[in-house]
Amino acid sequence: MHTLQIGKYTLGSRLIVGSGKYDSFETTKAATLASGSELITVAVRRLNITNPNEANLRDTFAGTNVKFLPNSAGCTTAEEAITLFRLTREATGIDLIKLEVIGDTQKTLYPDVLETIKACEVLAKDGFTIMAYTSDDPIMARRLEDAGAHAIMPLAAPIGSGLGVQNRYNIVFVREAVKVPIIVDAGIGCASDAALAMELGADGVLTNTAIAQAQNPMLMAEAMKNAVIAGRLSYLAGRIPKRPYATASSPIDGMIQF
């Protein structure tokens, strides 16, 4: 019920967290462990995971069950992302990746989905397990699945905005459009946002800023862990239909008459 299958990888938590915006690697580790997540994203163009002569995130997480998810943050073309992941796999052996190609680097950080699809086709042939960041468009989600993506990651709102799920219907439409897992990514601001994403049918949630920049990152990480679990259980349980008027909690048949 709680495990998440992405390609050949099985994760014990449906919450994925990020490694950016923390004040230290130790805080990153403490918050990640508090979240219960088994997968942490790393912007390999910005954060050291390989150089042993500098502070190294892989050394920080040594001895834990947390896996690294390299992402292509900062890439604006398919060619950049393809080259980055090939070099990263050669250096680390990691083939589970988060593919993101950004089209608007100045304001919205929205993805360039056409470039993402081009990169996905090549990387899938290279044998990568691909989690693809995209807009909340069900048509593009299906095209990414056809291009070889093992998970689709529609945004809830712009990266780091904390606005929460802005288009509930599109998350449902994306869920209906593809067979691979969908992981709601970007824009999560608090635990209730994560729970809502899961109640809409998402298979998982990725969040970074909401935890890293909370007043108490460890407490928010724990809240996110519980929210994802609660949202998943609520989705599986099946909510009652919405009605315009009240319905009595107790039946009126056989009511004592006065």
Protein backbone atom coordinates (compact mmCIF):
# COMPACT_ATOMS: atom_id res chain seq x y z
CA MET A 1 0.00 0.00 0.00
CA HIS A 2 2.77 2.43 0.94
CA THR A 3 5.50 1.25 -1.45
CA LEU A 4 6.11 3.08 -4.70
CA GLN A 5 7.36 1.27 -7.81
CA ILE A 6 9.23 3.33 -10.41
CA GLY A 7 10.64 1.15 -13.14
CA LYS A 8 12.89 -1.41 -11.45
CA TYR A 9 13.08 0.58 -8.21
CA THR A 10 10.87 -0.02 -5.17
CA LEU A 11 10.63 2.73 -2.57
CA GLY A 12 9.20 2.33 0.92
CA SER A 13 7.95 5.92 1.01
CA ARG A 14 5.80 7.84 -1.46
CA LEU A 15 7.40 11.12 -0.40
CA ILE A 16 10.46 12.36 -2.31
CA VAL A 17 12.42 15.32 -0.99
CA GLY A 18 14.96 17.78 -2.34
CA SER A 19 18.43 18.77 -1.15
CA GLY A 20 18.47 22.48 -1.99
CA LYS A 21 18.02 25.59 0.18
CA TYR A 22 19.24 24.04 3.44
CA ASP A 23 21.83 25.77 5.63
CA SER A 24 24.05 22.68 5.82
CA PHE A 25 24.36 19.07 4.69
CA GLU A 26 23.68 17.95 8.26
CA THR A 27 20.34 19.80 8.31
CA THR A 28 19.55 18.25 4.93
CA LYS A 29 20.20 14.81 6.38
CA ALA A 30 18.21 15.39 9.57
CA ALA A 31 15.15 16.69 7.70
CA THR A 32 15.32 13.91 5.11
CA LEU A 33 15.43 11.22 7.78
CA ALA A 34 12.54 12.90 9.62
CA SER A 35 10.51 12.80 6.39
CA GLY A 36 10.92 9.05 6.04
CA SER A 37 11.80 9.57 2.37
CA GLU A 38 14.09 7.09 0.66
CA LEU A 39 14.86 9.31 -2.33
CA ILE A 40 16.43 12.77 -2.41
CA THR A 41 16.91 14.91 -5.51
CA VAL A 42 20.31 16.44 -6.20
CA ALA A 43 21.01 19.17 -8.75
CA VAL A 44 24.29 17.72 -10.00
CA ARG A 45 25.29 20.95 -11.75
CA ARG A 46 25.08 22.84 -8.45
CA LEU A 47 25.72 20.43 -5.58
CA ASN A 48 28.77 18.25 -4.98
CA ILE A 49 28.11 14.52 -4.75
CA THR A 50 31.35 13.20 -6.22
CA ASN A 51 34.38 15.34 -5.24
CA PRO A 52 35.94 13.77 -2.10
CA ASN A 53 38.06 16.88 -1.48
CA GLU A 54 35.01 19.04 -0.73
CA ALA A 55 31.93 18.72 1.46
CA ASN A 56 30.14 15.78 -0.11
CA LEU A 57 26.45 14.95 0.18
CA ARG A 58 27.01 11.25 -0.50
CA ASP A 59 29.36 11.02 2.46
CA THR A 60 26.77 12.80 4.62
CA PHE A 61 24.15 10.16 3.81
CA ALA A 62 26.48 7.16 4.06
CA GLY A 63 24.93 4.40 6.17
CA THR A 64 21.33 5.49 5.51
CA ASN A 65 18.77 3.92 3.16
CA VAL A 66 18.36 7.17 1.22
CA LYS A 67 19.02 6.95 -2.54
CA PHE A 68 20.12 9.87 -4.70
CA LEU A 69 18.02 11.14 -7.59
CA PRO A 70 20.22 13.30 -9.85
CA ASN A 71 18.27 16.02 -11.62
CA SER A 72 19.08 18.23 -14.57
CA ALA A 73 18.18 21.55 -12.93
CA GLY A 74 19.78 24.35 -14.90
CA CYS A 75 19.54 22.58 -18.26
CA THR A 76 17.64 24.41 -20.97
CA THR A 77 18.07 22.01 -23.90
CA ALA A 78 17.70 18.30 -24.46
CA GLU A 79 21.37 18.04 -25.42
CA GLU A 80 22.51 19.56 -22.12
CA ALA A 81 20.38 17.16 -20.08
CA ILE A 82 21.49 14.10 -22.07
CA THR A 83 25.17 14.97 -21.67
CA LEU A 84 24.75 15.72 -17.96
CA PHE A 85 23.11 12.40 -17.16
CA ARG A 86 25.57 10.37 -19.19
CA LEU A 87 28.46 11.98 -17.30
CA THR A 88 26.68 11.56 -13.96
CA ARG A 89 26.06 7.86 -14.54
CA GLU A 90 29.68 7.35 -15.54
CA ALA A 91 30.84 9.09 -12.34
CA THR A 92 28.33 7.62 -9.87
CA GLY A 93 26.71 4.56 -11.45
CA ILE A 94 23.26 6.07 -10.78
CA ASP A 95 20.69 5.48 -13.52
CA LEU A 96 17.51 6.66 -11.74
CA ILE A 97 17.12 10.30 -12.80
CA LYS A 98 14.79 13.28 -12.63
CA LEU A 99 14.69 14.83 -16.08
CA GLU A 100 13.85 18.53 -16.20
CA VAL A 101 14.51 20.94 -19.05
CA ILE A 102 13.52 24.48 -18.16
CA GLY A 103 12.01 26.78 -20.77
CA ASP A 104 11.58 29.95 -18.69
CA THR A 105 14.64 30.46 -16.50
CA GLN A 106 13.76 33.99 -15.36
CA LYS A 107 10.26 33.98 -13.91
CA THR A 108 8.14 30.81 -13.83
CA LEU A 109 10.78 28.05 -14.20
CA TYR A 110 8.20 26.26 -16.32
CA PRO A 111 9.49 23.24 -18.24
CA ASP A 112 10.14 23.10 -21.97
CA VAL A 113 8.16 19.92 -22.52
CA LEU A 114 9.15 19.47 -26.16
CA GLU A 115 12.83 19.47 -25.24
CA THR A 116 12.04 17.17 -22.31
CA ILE A 117 10.40 14.66 -24.66
CA LYS A 118 13.44 14.75 -26.99
CA ALA A 119 15.78 14.07 -24.08
CA CYS A 120 13.51 11.35 -22.71
CA GLU A 121 13.57 9.41 -25.97
CA VAL A 122 17.37 9.33 -26.02
CA LEU A 123 17.86 8.63 -22.32
CA ALA A 124 15.32 5.81 -22.37
CA LYS A 125 17.30 4.12 -25.15
CA ASP A 126 20.41 4.59 -22.98
CA GLY A 127 18.77 2.52 -20.25
CA PHE A 128 17.99 5.23 -17.70
CA THR A 129 15.00 5.02 -15.36
CA ILE A 130 13.40 8.38 -16.01
CA MET A 131 11.17 10.55 -13.84
CA ALA A 132 10.11 13.44 -16.07
CA TYR A 133 9.17 16.89 -14.73
CA THR A 134 6.46 18.49 -16.85
CA SER A 135 3.47 20.80 -16.96
CA ASP A 136 0.08 19.58 -15.76
CA ASP A 137 -0.97 18.75 -19.33
CA PRO A 138 -2.38 15.23 -19.83
CA ILE A 139 -1.50 15.21 -23.53
CA MET A 140 2.17 15.94 -22.84
CA ALA A 141 2.12 13.43 -19.99
CA ARG A 142 1.03 10.71 -22.42
CA ARG A 143 3.73 11.74 -24.90
CA LEU A 144 6.37 11.52 -22.19
CA GLU A 145 5.14 8.06 -21.27
CA ASP A 146 5.37 7.07 -24.94
CA ALA A 147 8.91 8.50 -25.03
CA GLY A 148 9.97 6.11 -22.27
CA ALA A 149 9.37 7.94 -18.98
CA HIS A 150 8.90 5.63 -15.99
CA ALA A 151 7.13 8.32 -13.94
CA ILE A 152 5.45 11.60 -14.82
CA MET A 153 5.99 14.61 -12.53
CA PRO A 154 3.36 17.30 -13.21
CA LEU A 155 3.85 20.58 -11.40
CA ALA A 156 1.31 21.70 -8.81
CA ALA A 157 2.43 25.33 -9.16
CA PRO A 158 5.68 27.15 -10.04
CA ILE A 159 8.81 25.75 -8.35
CA GLY A 160 9.31 27.17 -4.86
CA SER A 161 6.08 29.19 -4.94
CA GLY A 162 4.30 27.31 -2.14
CA LEU A 163 0.98 27.94 -3.88
CA GLY A 164 -0.18 24.33 -3.62
CA VAL A 165 -2.20 22.48 -6.25
CA GLN A 166 -3.56 25.19 -8.55
CA ASN A 167 -5.45 22.96 -10.99
CA ARG A 168 -6.99 19.94 -9.31
CA TYR A 169 -8.72 18.79 -12.47
CA ASN A 170 -5.49 18.61 -14.47
CA ILE A 171 -3.83 16.40 -11.86
CA VAL A 172 -6.80 14.04 -12.18
CA PHE A 173 -6.61 14.23 -15.99
CA VAL A 174 -2.88 13.40 -15.94
CA ARG A 175 -3.59 10.46 -13.62
CA GLU A 176 -6.18 9.16 -16.07
CA ALA A 177 -3.94 9.72 -19.12
CA VAL A 178 -0.98 7.53 -18.17
CA LYS A 179 -0.30 4.12 -16.68
CA VAL A 180 3.06 4.96 -15.06
CA PRO A 181 3.17 6.57 -11.60
CA ILE A 182 2.60 10.31 -11.32
CA ILE A 183 4.52 12.30 -8.74
CA VAL A 184 3.18 15.79 -8.06
CA ASP A 185 6.20 18.08 -8.11
CA ALA A 186 6.80 21.80 -7.47
CA GLY A 187 4.65 24.31 -5.61
CA ILE A 188 3.84 22.27 -2.50
CA GLY A 189 3.73 24.68 0.45
CA CYS A 190 2.48 22.73 3.46
CA ALA A 191 1.30 19.31 4.56
CA SER A 192 -2.30 19.82 3.46
CA ASP A 193 -1.08 20.48 -0.10
CA ALA A 194 0.69 17.11 -0.10
CA ALA A 195 -2.38 15.34 1.29
CA LEU A 196 -4.60 16.92 -1.39
CA ALA A 197 -2.24 15.84 -4.18
CA MET A 198 -2.42 12.27 -2.91
CA GLU A 199 -6.21 12.41 -2.54
CA LEU A 200 -6.43 13.45 -6.20
CA GLY A 201 -4.77 10.18 -7.16
CA ALA A 202 -1.07 11.03 -7.29
CA ASP A 203 1.22 8.11 -6.56
CA GLY A 204 3.68 10.32 -4.73
CA VAL A 205 4.77 13.87 -3.93
CA LEU A 206 8.10 15.65 -4.30
CA THR A 207 8.81 18.70 -2.17
CA ASN A 208 11.91 20.69 -1.27
CA THR A 209 11.29 24.35 -0.40
CA ALA A 210 8.30 23.64 1.84
CA ILE A 211 10.55 21.63 4.16
CA ALA A 212 13.91 23.37 3.73
CA GLN A 213 12.56 26.88 4.33
CA ALA A 214 9.98 26.05 6.99
CA GLN A 215 10.60 27.66 10.38
CA ASN A 216 11.13 24.13 11.71
CA PRO A 217 12.30 21.90 8.84
CA MET A 218 12.32 18.71 10.91
CA LEU A 219 8.74 19.22 12.09
CA MET A 220 7.55 20.06 8.57
CA ALA A 221 9.33 16.98 7.22
CA GLU A 222 7.43 14.80 9.67
CA ALA A 223 4.18 16.55 8.77
CA MET A 224 4.80 15.86 5.07
CA LYS A 225 5.47 12.20 5.82
CA ASN A 226 2.16 11.81 7.62
CA ALA A 227 0.25 13.90 5.05
CA VAL A 228 1.35 11.70 2.15
CA ILE A 229 0.34 8.56 4.06
CA ALA A 230 -3.04 10.06 5.07
CA GLY A 231 -3.75 11.32 1.55
CA ARG A 232 -2.97 7.93 0.04
CA LEU A 233 -5.23 6.12 2.51
CA SER A 234 -8.01 8.64 1.88
CA TYR A 235 -7.74 8.12 -1.88
CA LEU A 236 -7.85 4.35 -1.52
CA ALA A 237 -10.78 4.54 0.90
CA GLY A 238 -12.89 6.54 -1.59
CA ARG A 239 -14.46 9.81 -0.51
CA ILE A 240 -18.21 10.36 -0.27
CA PRO A 241 -19.85 12.28 -3.13
CA LYS A 242 -20.37 16.00 -2.69
CA ARG A 243 -24.03 17.04 -2.31
CA PRO A 244 -25.62 20.49 -2.35
CA TYR A 245 -27.76 19.82 0.74
CA ALA A 246 -27.49 18.13 4.11
CA THR A 247 -28.14 14.44 4.63
CA ALA A 248 -28.95 13.15 8.08
CA SER A 249 -26.31 11.03 9.77
CA SER A 250 -29.03 8.85 11.30
CA PRO A 251 -31.76 7.22 9.15
CA ILE A 252 -35.29 8.57 9.54
CA ASP A 253 -36.98 5.24 8.81
CA GLY A 254 -38.58 3.93 11.99
CA MET A 255 -38.14 7.23 13.83
CA ILE A 256 -40.28 7.52 16.97
CA GLN A 257 -43.18 9.86 16.30
CA PHE A 258 -44.45 12.34 18.88
